[in-house]
Amino acid sequence: MLDQAVADFTIPATGGQTFNLFSARGKLLVIFFYPKDNTPGCNTENQQFRDLYTAFRQADCEVVGISRDSIQSHENFKAKFNLPFLLLADTEETVCKQFGVIKLKTLYGKQVRSIERSTFVIDQEGILRGEWRGVKADGHAQDVLQFIQSLPRPI
């Protein structure tokens, strides 16, 4: 997928909004997929993206998080942690499938389908420029920010 155009998608977002990928063109975009609201690793990841959000914005980059949770779950999660970015509800797994982030995991001895914690950077023209799969939550947002800051700036 790297250096390829990312197909458009439209998905419900927090704040009564709808997120459309093509509408995000003109800025860098970080899309991070996480398994579930209000779980330890996901809390850490979302809080670290929150804490670095100003730096992402200074790099002309928007950030959105995606999980399979409902909009209501996302609204509560966003309020609880004062998240400044949109959370997108992929309850039908269409965007998860597009990015190939649904994986089988073993949880308490049983196979379950879950989102593999993954992050993607899409440039101003809709081209995938960075991807991380199977990441650890702690410190990941900083790694993504450093990548964003290393990209050539458009003229």
C-alpha atoms as a PDB file:
ATOM      1  CA  MET A   1       0.000   0.000   0.000  1.00  0.00           C
ATOM      2  CA  LEU A   2       2.897   2.412   0.592  1.00  0.00           C
ATOM      3  CA  ASP A   3       3.180   5.146  -2.034  1.00  0.00           C
ATOM      4  CA  GLN A   4      -0.267   4.218  -3.382  1.00  0.00           C
ATOM      5  CA  ALA A   5      -3.418   6.338  -3.417  1.00  0.00           C
ATOM      6  CA  VAL A   6      -5.821   5.483  -0.611  1.00  0.00           C
ATOM      7  CA  ALA A   7      -9.413   4.856  -1.721  1.00  0.00           C
ATOM      8  CA  ASP A   8     -11.995   7.301  -0.443  1.00  0.00           C
ATOM      9  CA  PHE A   9     -14.259   6.354   2.441  1.00  0.00           C
ATOM     10  CA  THR A  10     -16.988   8.044   4.445  1.00  0.00           C
ATOM     11  CA  ILE A  11     -17.617   7.081   8.061  1.00  0.00           C
ATOM     12  CA  PRO A  12     -19.524   8.445  11.095  1.00  0.00           C
ATOM     13  CA  ALA A  13     -17.456  10.613  13.435  1.00  0.00           C
ATOM     14  CA  THR A  14     -17.845  12.158  16.856  1.00  0.00           C
ATOM     15  CA  GLY A  15     -19.547  15.515  17.246  1.00  0.00           C
ATOM     16  CA  GLY A  16     -22.356  14.514  14.885  1.00  0.00           C
ATOM     17  CA  GLN A  17     -19.962  14.704  11.950  1.00  0.00           C
ATOM     18  CA  THR A  18     -19.210  12.465   9.011  1.00  0.00           C
ATOM     19  CA  PHE A  19     -15.584  12.015   8.012  1.00  0.00           C
ATOM     20  CA  ASN A  20     -14.743  11.759   4.322  1.00  0.00           C
ATOM     21  CA  LEU A  21     -11.155  10.952   3.340  1.00  0.00           C
ATOM     22  CA  PHE A  22     -11.195  13.044   0.157  1.00  0.00           C
ATOM     23  CA  SER A  23     -12.367  16.062   2.168  1.00  0.00           C
ATOM     24  CA  ALA A  24      -9.200  15.763   4.280  1.00  0.00           C
ATOM     25  CA  ARG A  25      -6.920  16.384   1.282  1.00  0.00           C
ATOM     26  CA  GLY A  26      -4.579  19.333   1.425  1.00  0.00           C
ATOM     27  CA  LYS A  27      -3.156  18.351   4.822  1.00  0.00           C
ATOM     28  CA  LEU A  28      -1.227  15.412   6.135  1.00  0.00           C
ATOM     29  CA  LEU A  29      -3.479  12.923   7.898  1.00  0.00           C
ATOM     30  CA  VAL A  30      -2.700  10.406  10.627  1.00  0.00           C
ATOM     31  CA  ILE A  31      -5.236   7.595  10.945  1.00  0.00           C
ATOM     32  CA  PHE A  32      -4.649   5.373  13.943  1.00  0.00           C
ATOM     33  CA  PHE A  33      -6.659   2.196  14.450  1.00  0.00           C
ATOM     34  CA  TYR A  34      -7.069   0.936  18.000  1.00  0.00           C
ATOM     35  CA  PRO A  35      -8.930  -2.079  19.399  1.00  0.00           C
ATOM     36  CA  LYS A  36     -11.384  -0.642  21.951  1.00  0.00           C
ATOM     37  CA  ASP A  37     -12.357   2.456  23.892  1.00  0.00           C
ATOM     38  CA  ASN A  38     -11.525   2.463  27.610  1.00  0.00           C
ATOM     39  CA  THR A  39      -8.889  -0.256  27.606  1.00  0.00           C
ATOM     40  CA  PRO A  40      -5.402   0.374  29.017  1.00  0.00           C
ATOM     41  CA  GLY A  41      -3.348   0.390  25.801  1.00  0.00           C
ATOM     42  CA  CYS A  42      -5.985   2.338  23.886  1.00  0.00           C
ATOM     43  CA  ASN A  43      -6.261   4.887  26.682  1.00  0.00           C
ATOM     44  CA  THR A  44      -2.478   5.373  26.591  1.00  0.00           C
ATOM     45  CA  GLU A  45      -2.351   5.699  22.803  1.00  0.00           C
ATOM     46  CA  ASN A  46      -5.222   8.189  22.604  1.00  0.00           C
ATOM     47  CA  GLN A  47      -3.811  10.275  25.467  1.00  0.00           C
ATOM     48  CA  GLN A  48      -0.384  10.439  23.825  1.00  0.00           C
ATOM     49  CA  PHE A  49      -1.870  11.542  20.498  1.00  0.00           C
ATOM     50  CA  ARG A  50      -3.860  14.111  22.506  1.00  0.00           C
ATOM     51  CA  ASP A  51      -0.755  15.376  24.294  1.00  0.00           C
ATOM     52  CA  LEU A  52       1.090  15.807  20.971  1.00  0.00           C
ATOM     53  CA  TYR A  53      -1.899  17.115  19.013  1.00  0.00           C
ATOM     54  CA  THR A  54      -0.666  20.725  18.990  1.00  0.00           C
ATOM     55  CA  ALA A  55       2.654  19.584  17.496  1.00  0.00           C
ATOM     56  CA  PHE A  56       0.804  17.585  14.820  1.00  0.00           C
ATOM     57  CA  ARG A  57      -1.303  20.637  13.958  1.00  0.00           C
ATOM     58  CA  GLN A  58       1.819  22.795  13.768  1.00  0.00           C
ATOM     59  CA  ALA A  59       3.085  20.327  11.137  1.00  0.00           C
ATOM     60  CA  ASP A  60      -0.166  20.906   9.163  1.00  0.00           C
ATOM     61  CA  CYS A  61      -1.356  17.430  10.066  1.00  0.00           C
ATOM     62  CA  GLU A  62      -4.751  16.216  11.234  1.00  0.00           C
ATOM     63  CA  VAL A  63      -5.207  13.159  13.453  1.00  0.00           C
ATOM     64  CA  VAL A  64      -8.172  10.771  13.651  1.00  0.00           C
ATOM     65  CA  GLY A  65      -8.668   7.561  15.610  1.00  0.00           C
ATOM     66  CA  ILE A  66     -10.747   4.594  14.447  1.00  0.00           C
ATOM     67  CA  SER A  67     -12.169   1.592  16.257  1.00  0.00           C
ATOM     68  CA  ARG A  68     -15.235  -0.613  15.899  1.00  0.00           C
ATOM     69  CA  ASP A  69     -16.911   1.039  18.901  1.00  0.00           C
ATOM     70  CA  SER A  70     -20.172   2.949  18.495  1.00  0.00           C
ATOM     71  CA  ILE A  71     -20.395   6.726  18.201  1.00  0.00           C
ATOM     72  CA  GLN A  72     -21.886   6.867  21.715  1.00  0.00           C
ATOM     73  CA  SER A  73     -18.930   4.926  23.122  1.00  0.00           C
ATOM     74  CA  HIS A  74     -16.574   7.263  21.245  1.00  0.00           C
ATOM     75  CA  GLU A  75     -18.360  10.375  22.543  1.00  0.00           C
ATOM     76  CA  ASN A  76     -17.979   9.165  26.137  1.00  0.00           C
ATOM     77  CA  PHE A  77     -14.349   8.156  25.586  1.00  0.00           C
ATOM     78  CA  LYS A  78     -13.535  11.477  23.923  1.00  0.00           C
ATOM     79  CA  ALA A  79     -15.105  13.446  26.782  1.00  0.00           C
ATOM     80  CA  LYS A  80     -13.430  11.324  29.472  1.00  0.00           C
ATOM     81  CA  PHE A  81      -9.937  11.979  28.081  1.00  0.00           C
ATOM     82  CA  ASN A  82     -10.578  15.423  26.531  1.00  0.00           C
ATOM     83  CA  LEU A  83      -9.501  14.239  23.080  1.00  0.00           C
ATOM     84  CA  PRO A  84      -9.215  17.116  20.571  1.00  0.00           C
ATOM     85  CA  PHE A  85      -9.446  14.966  17.419  1.00  0.00           C
ATOM     86  CA  LEU A  86     -12.296  13.065  15.794  1.00  0.00           C
ATOM     87  CA  LEU A  87     -12.941   9.439  16.611  1.00  0.00           C
ATOM     88  CA  LEU A  88     -14.449   7.443  13.758  1.00  0.00           C
ATOM     89  CA  ALA A  89     -16.883   4.573  14.308  1.00  0.00           C
ATOM     90  CA  ASP A  90     -16.216   1.654  11.945  1.00  0.00           C
ATOM     91  CA  THR A  91     -18.955  -0.604  13.304  1.00  0.00           C
ATOM     92  CA  GLU A  92     -19.272  -2.345   9.914  1.00  0.00           C
ATOM     93  CA  GLU A  93     -15.466  -2.826   9.648  1.00  0.00           C
ATOM     94  CA  THR A  94     -15.361  -1.373   6.123  1.00  0.00           C
ATOM     95  CA  VAL A  95     -12.377   0.911   6.749  1.00  0.00           C
ATOM     96  CA  CYS A  96     -10.696  -1.734   8.927  1.00  0.00           C
ATOM     97  CA  LYS A  97     -10.938  -4.160   6.012  1.00  0.00           C
ATOM     98  CA  GLN A  98      -9.701  -1.531   3.544  1.00  0.00           C
ATOM     99  CA  PHE A  99      -6.534  -1.107   5.623  1.00  0.00           C
ATOM    100  CA  GLY A 100      -6.251  -4.807   6.555  1.00  0.00           C
ATOM    101  CA  VAL A 101      -6.174  -4.281  10.317  1.00  0.00           C
ATOM    102  CA  ILE A 102      -8.614  -6.997  11.462  1.00  0.00           C
ATOM    103  CA  LYS A 103      -6.626  -9.904  12.893  1.00  0.00           C
ATOM    104  CA  LEU A 104      -7.293 -13.071  14.855  1.00  0.00           C
ATOM    105  CA  LYS A 105      -5.916 -12.886  18.382  1.00  0.00           C
ATOM    106  CA  THR A 106      -5.943 -15.330  21.237  1.00  0.00           C
ATOM    107  CA  LEU A 107      -7.691 -13.950  24.320  1.00  0.00           C
ATOM    108  CA  TYR A 108      -8.068 -16.202  27.365  1.00  0.00           C
ATOM    109  CA  GLY A 109      -7.467 -19.230  25.158  1.00  0.00           C
ATOM    110  CA  LYS A 110     -10.077 -18.294  22.552  1.00  0.00           C
ATOM    111  CA  GLN A 111      -9.604 -16.941  19.028  1.00  0.00           C
ATOM    112  CA  VAL A 112     -11.210 -13.510  18.642  1.00  0.00           C
ATOM    113  CA  ARG A 113     -11.276 -11.002  15.781  1.00  0.00           C
ATOM    114  CA  SER A 114      -9.798  -7.687  16.801  1.00  0.00           C
ATOM    115  CA  ILE A 115      -8.164  -4.588  15.405  1.00  0.00           C
ATOM    116  CA  GLU A 116      -4.399  -4.811  15.247  1.00  0.00           C
ATOM    117  CA  ARG A 117      -3.102  -1.484  16.582  1.00  0.00           C
ATOM    118  CA  SER A 118      -1.943   0.209  13.371  1.00  0.00           C
ATOM    119  CA  THR A 119      -1.257   3.735  12.127  1.00  0.00           C
ATOM    120  CA  PHE A 120      -1.174   5.216   8.642  1.00  0.00           C
ATOM    121  CA  VAL A 121       0.039   8.590   7.334  1.00  0.00           C
ATOM    122  CA  ILE A 122      -1.610   9.932   4.202  1.00  0.00           C
ATOM    123  CA  ASP A 123      -0.131  12.937   2.433  1.00  0.00           C
ATOM    124  CA  GLN A 124      -1.843  16.034   1.043  1.00  0.00           C
ATOM    125  CA  GLU A 125      -2.623  14.262  -2.246  1.00  0.00           C
ATOM    126  CA  GLY A 126      -4.146  11.142  -0.677  1.00  0.00           C
ATOM    127  CA  ILE A 127      -1.031   8.945  -1.028  1.00  0.00           C
ATOM    128  CA  LEU A 128      -0.048   6.566   1.778  1.00  0.00           C
ATOM    129  CA  ARG A 129       3.399   7.645   3.026  1.00  0.00           C
ATOM    130  CA  GLY A 130       3.805   5.737   6.272  1.00  0.00           C
ATOM    131  CA  GLU A 131       2.409   2.693   8.023  1.00  0.00           C
ATOM    132  CA  TRP A 132       3.006   0.957  11.333  1.00  0.00           C
ATOM    133  CA  ARG A 133       1.346  -2.356  12.195  1.00  0.00           C
ATOM    134  CA  GLY A 134       1.179  -4.262  15.452  1.00  0.00           C
ATOM    135  CA  VAL A 135       2.582  -1.318  17.400  1.00  0.00           C
ATOM    136  CA  LYS A 136       2.930  -0.884  21.134  1.00  0.00           C
ATOM    137  CA  ALA A 137       0.827   2.010  22.403  1.00  0.00           C
ATOM    138  CA  ASP A 138       3.356   3.727  24.646  1.00  0.00           C
ATOM    139  CA  GLY A 139       5.620   6.074  22.703  1.00  0.00           C
ATOM    140  CA  HIS A 140       4.022   5.358  19.335  1.00  0.00           C
ATOM    141  CA  ALA A 141       2.486   8.824  18.887  1.00  0.00           C
ATOM    142  CA  GLN A 142       5.944  10.379  19.321  1.00  0.00           C
ATOM    143  CA  ASP A 143       7.363   8.081  16.626  1.00  0.00           C
ATOM    144  CA  VAL A 144       4.580   9.108  14.236  1.00  0.00           C
ATOM    145  CA  LEU A 145       5.152  12.800  14.987  1.00  0.00           C
ATOM    146  CA  GLN A 146       8.872  12.447  14.251  1.00  0.00           C
ATOM    147  CA  PHE A 147       8.008  10.795  10.932  1.00  0.00           C
ATOM    148  CA  ILE A 148       5.588  13.628  10.072  1.00  0.00           C
ATOM    149  CA  GLN A 149       8.219  16.231  10.930  1.00  0.00           C
ATOM    150  CA  SER A 150      10.772  14.465   8.700  1.00  0.00           C
ATOM    151  CA  LEU A 151       8.580  14.609   5.575  1.00  0.00           C
ATOM    152  CA  PRO A 152       9.438  17.205   2.945  1.00  0.00           C
ATOM    153  CA  ARG A 153       7.231  20.265   3.179  1.00  0.00           C
ATOM    154  CA  PRO A 154       5.180  21.139   0.089  1.00  0.00           C
ATOM    155  CA  ILE A 155       6.268  24.308  -1.695  1.00  0.00           C
END
